[in-house]
């Protein structure tokens, strides 16, 4: 199993995950919150693929 590297992609993932979570609780707009979480995951995966 490959480990996740804690680089810039991980920081961006945490920021987008935070935005998605706050939006979900404030507006109950789960589609938009899911969008931000997915964008964060894309940055995380891209950052780890780049280093491989």
N, C-alpha and C. Protein backbone atom coordinates (compact mmCIF):
# COMPACT_ATOMS: atom_id res chain seq x y z
N UNK A 1 0.84 -1.18 0.00
CA UNK A 1 0.00 0.00 0.00
C UNK A 1 0.88 1.24 0.00
N UNK A 2 0.55 2.16 -0.85
CA UNK A 2 1.31 3.38 -1.00
C UNK A 2 0.87 4.41 0.03
N UNK A 3 1.84 5.12 0.57
CA UNK A 3 1.52 6.15 1.56
C UNK A 3 1.24 7.48 0.88
N UNK A 4 0.37 8.26 1.48
CA UNK A 4 0.06 9.59 0.99
C UNK A 4 1.16 10.52 1.47
N UNK A 5 1.72 11.29 0.55
CA UNK A 5 2.75 12.25 0.91
C UNK A 5 2.08 13.57 1.30
N UNK A 6 2.58 14.15 2.36
CA UNK A 6 1.99 15.39 2.88
C UNK A 6 2.69 16.58 2.26
N UNK A 7 2.31 16.91 1.03
CA UNK A 7 2.89 18.05 0.31
C UNK A 7 1.84 19.12 0.09
N UNK A 8 2.04 19.88 -0.97
CA UNK A 8 1.11 20.96 -1.29
C UNK A 8 -0.26 20.42 -1.65
N UNK A 9 -0.31 19.26 -2.32
CA UNK A 9 -1.59 18.66 -2.68
C UNK A 9 -2.42 18.30 -1.46
N UNK A 10 -1.77 17.82 -0.41
CA UNK A 10 -2.48 17.47 0.82
C UNK A 10 -3.04 18.72 1.49
N UNK A 11 -2.27 19.79 1.47
CA UNK A 11 -2.75 21.05 2.05
C UNK A 11 -3.97 21.56 1.30
N UNK A 12 -3.92 21.50 -0.03
CA UNK A 12 -5.06 21.94 -0.84
C UNK A 12 -6.25 21.03 -0.59
N UNK A 13 -6.01 19.72 -0.43
CA UNK A 13 -7.10 18.79 -0.11
C UNK A 13 -7.78 19.18 1.19
N UNK A 14 -7.00 19.47 2.22
CA UNK A 14 -7.57 19.85 3.51
C UNK A 14 -8.38 21.15 3.39
N UNK A 15 -7.86 22.12 2.63
CA UNK A 15 -8.60 23.38 2.44
C UNK A 15 -9.93 23.14 1.74
N UNK A 16 -9.91 22.39 0.64
CA UNK A 16 -11.15 22.13 -0.09
C UNK A 16 -12.11 21.26 0.72
N UNK A 17 -11.59 20.30 1.47
CA UNK A 17 -12.43 19.49 2.33
C UNK A 17 -13.09 20.36 3.40
N UNK A 18 -12.32 21.30 3.94
CA UNK A 18 -12.87 22.24 4.92
C UNK A 18 -13.96 23.11 4.33
N UNK A 19 -13.72 23.62 3.12
CA UNK A 19 -14.73 24.44 2.45
C UNK A 19 -15.99 23.63 2.21
N UNK A 20 -15.81 22.40 1.73
CA UNK A 20 -16.97 21.54 1.46
C UNK A 20 -17.76 21.24 2.72
N UNK A 21 -17.08 20.99 3.81
CA UNK A 21 -17.75 20.69 5.07
C UNK A 21 -18.52 21.90 5.59
N UNK A 22 -17.88 23.07 5.55
CA UNK A 22 -18.55 24.29 6.02
C UNK A 22 -19.77 24.60 5.15
N UNK A 23 -19.61 24.46 3.83
CA UNK A 23 -20.75 24.71 2.94
C UNK A 23 -21.89 23.73 3.21
N UNK A 24 -21.56 22.50 3.48
CA UNK A 24 -22.59 21.50 3.72
C UNK A 24 -23.41 21.84 4.96
N UNK A 25 -22.74 22.28 6.01
CA UNK A 25 -23.46 22.59 7.23
C UNK A 25 -24.21 23.92 7.15
N UNK A 26 -23.66 24.88 6.42
CA UNK A 26 -24.32 26.18 6.34
C UNK A 26 -25.51 26.18 5.41
N UNK A 27 -25.34 25.63 4.22
CA UNK A 27 -26.38 25.78 3.21
C UNK A 27 -27.16 24.50 2.93
N UNK A 28 -26.73 23.40 3.46
CA UNK A 28 -27.36 22.09 3.20
C UNK A 28 -27.34 21.75 1.72
N UNK A 29 -26.41 22.35 0.98
CA UNK A 29 -26.25 22.08 -0.44
C UNK A 29 -25.19 20.99 -0.59
N UNK A 30 -25.63 19.74 -0.55
CA UNK A 30 -24.70 18.62 -0.53
C UNK A 30 -24.00 18.41 -1.86
N UNK A 31 -24.61 18.85 -2.95
CA UNK A 31 -23.97 18.72 -4.28
C UNK A 31 -22.74 19.62 -4.36
N UNK A 32 -22.89 20.85 -3.93
CA UNK A 32 -21.75 21.78 -3.97
C UNK A 32 -20.66 21.35 -2.99
N UNK A 33 -21.05 20.88 -1.82
CA UNK A 33 -20.07 20.41 -0.85
C UNK A 33 -19.30 19.20 -1.39
N UNK A 34 -20.02 18.30 -2.05
CA UNK A 34 -19.37 17.13 -2.64
C UNK A 34 -18.43 17.54 -3.75
N UNK A 35 -18.80 18.54 -4.53
CA UNK A 35 -17.93 19.06 -5.58
C UNK A 35 -16.59 19.52 -5.01
N UNK A 36 -16.61 20.29 -3.92
CA UNK A 36 -15.36 20.79 -3.35
C UNK A 36 -14.51 19.66 -2.79
N UNK A 37 -15.15 18.66 -2.20
CA UNK A 37 -14.38 17.52 -1.68
C UNK A 37 -13.74 16.75 -2.83
N UNK A 38 -14.45 16.57 -3.93
CA UNK A 38 -13.90 15.87 -5.10
C UNK A 38 -12.73 16.65 -5.68
N UNK A 39 -12.85 17.97 -5.77
CA UNK A 39 -11.75 18.79 -6.27
C UNK A 39 -10.52 18.63 -5.37
N UNK A 40 -10.72 18.60 -4.08
CA UNK A 40 -9.61 18.39 -3.16
C UNK A 40 -8.95 17.04 -3.36
N UNK A 41 -9.74 16.00 -3.57
CA UNK A 41 -9.20 14.66 -3.81
C UNK A 41 -8.40 14.62 -5.11
N UNK A 42 -8.88 15.32 -6.13
CA UNK A 42 -8.14 15.38 -7.40
C UNK A 42 -6.77 16.01 -7.19
N UNK A 43 -6.69 17.09 -6.43
CA UNK A 43 -5.40 17.71 -6.14
C UNK A 43 -4.50 16.74 -5.37
N UNK A 44 -5.06 16.02 -4.42
CA UNK A 44 -4.27 15.08 -3.62
C UNK A 44 -3.72 13.96 -4.48
N UNK A 45 -4.54 13.39 -5.32
CA UNK A 45 -4.09 12.29 -6.21
C UNK A 45 -3.07 12.81 -7.21
N UNK A 46 -3.31 13.97 -7.79
CA UNK A 46 -2.38 14.53 -8.76
C UNK A 46 -1.01 14.81 -8.13
N UNK A 47 -1.01 15.29 -6.91
CA UNK A 47 0.25 15.57 -6.22
C UNK A 47 1.02 14.28 -5.96
N UNK A 48 0.32 13.22 -5.60
CA UNK A 48 1.00 11.95 -5.33
C UNK A 48 1.44 11.24 -6.61
N UNK A 49 0.70 11.40 -7.69
CA UNK A 49 1.11 10.80 -8.97
C UNK A 49 2.33 11.52 -9.54
N UNK A 50 2.41 12.82 -9.29
CA UNK A 50 3.51 13.61 -9.80
C UNK A 50 4.84 13.14 -9.18
N UNK A 51 4.82 12.76 -7.91
CA UNK A 51 6.03 12.36 -7.20
C UNK A 51 6.40 10.91 -7.45
N UNK A 52 5.50 10.14 -8.02
CA UNK A 52 5.77 8.72 -8.24
C UNK A 52 6.71 8.48 -9.39
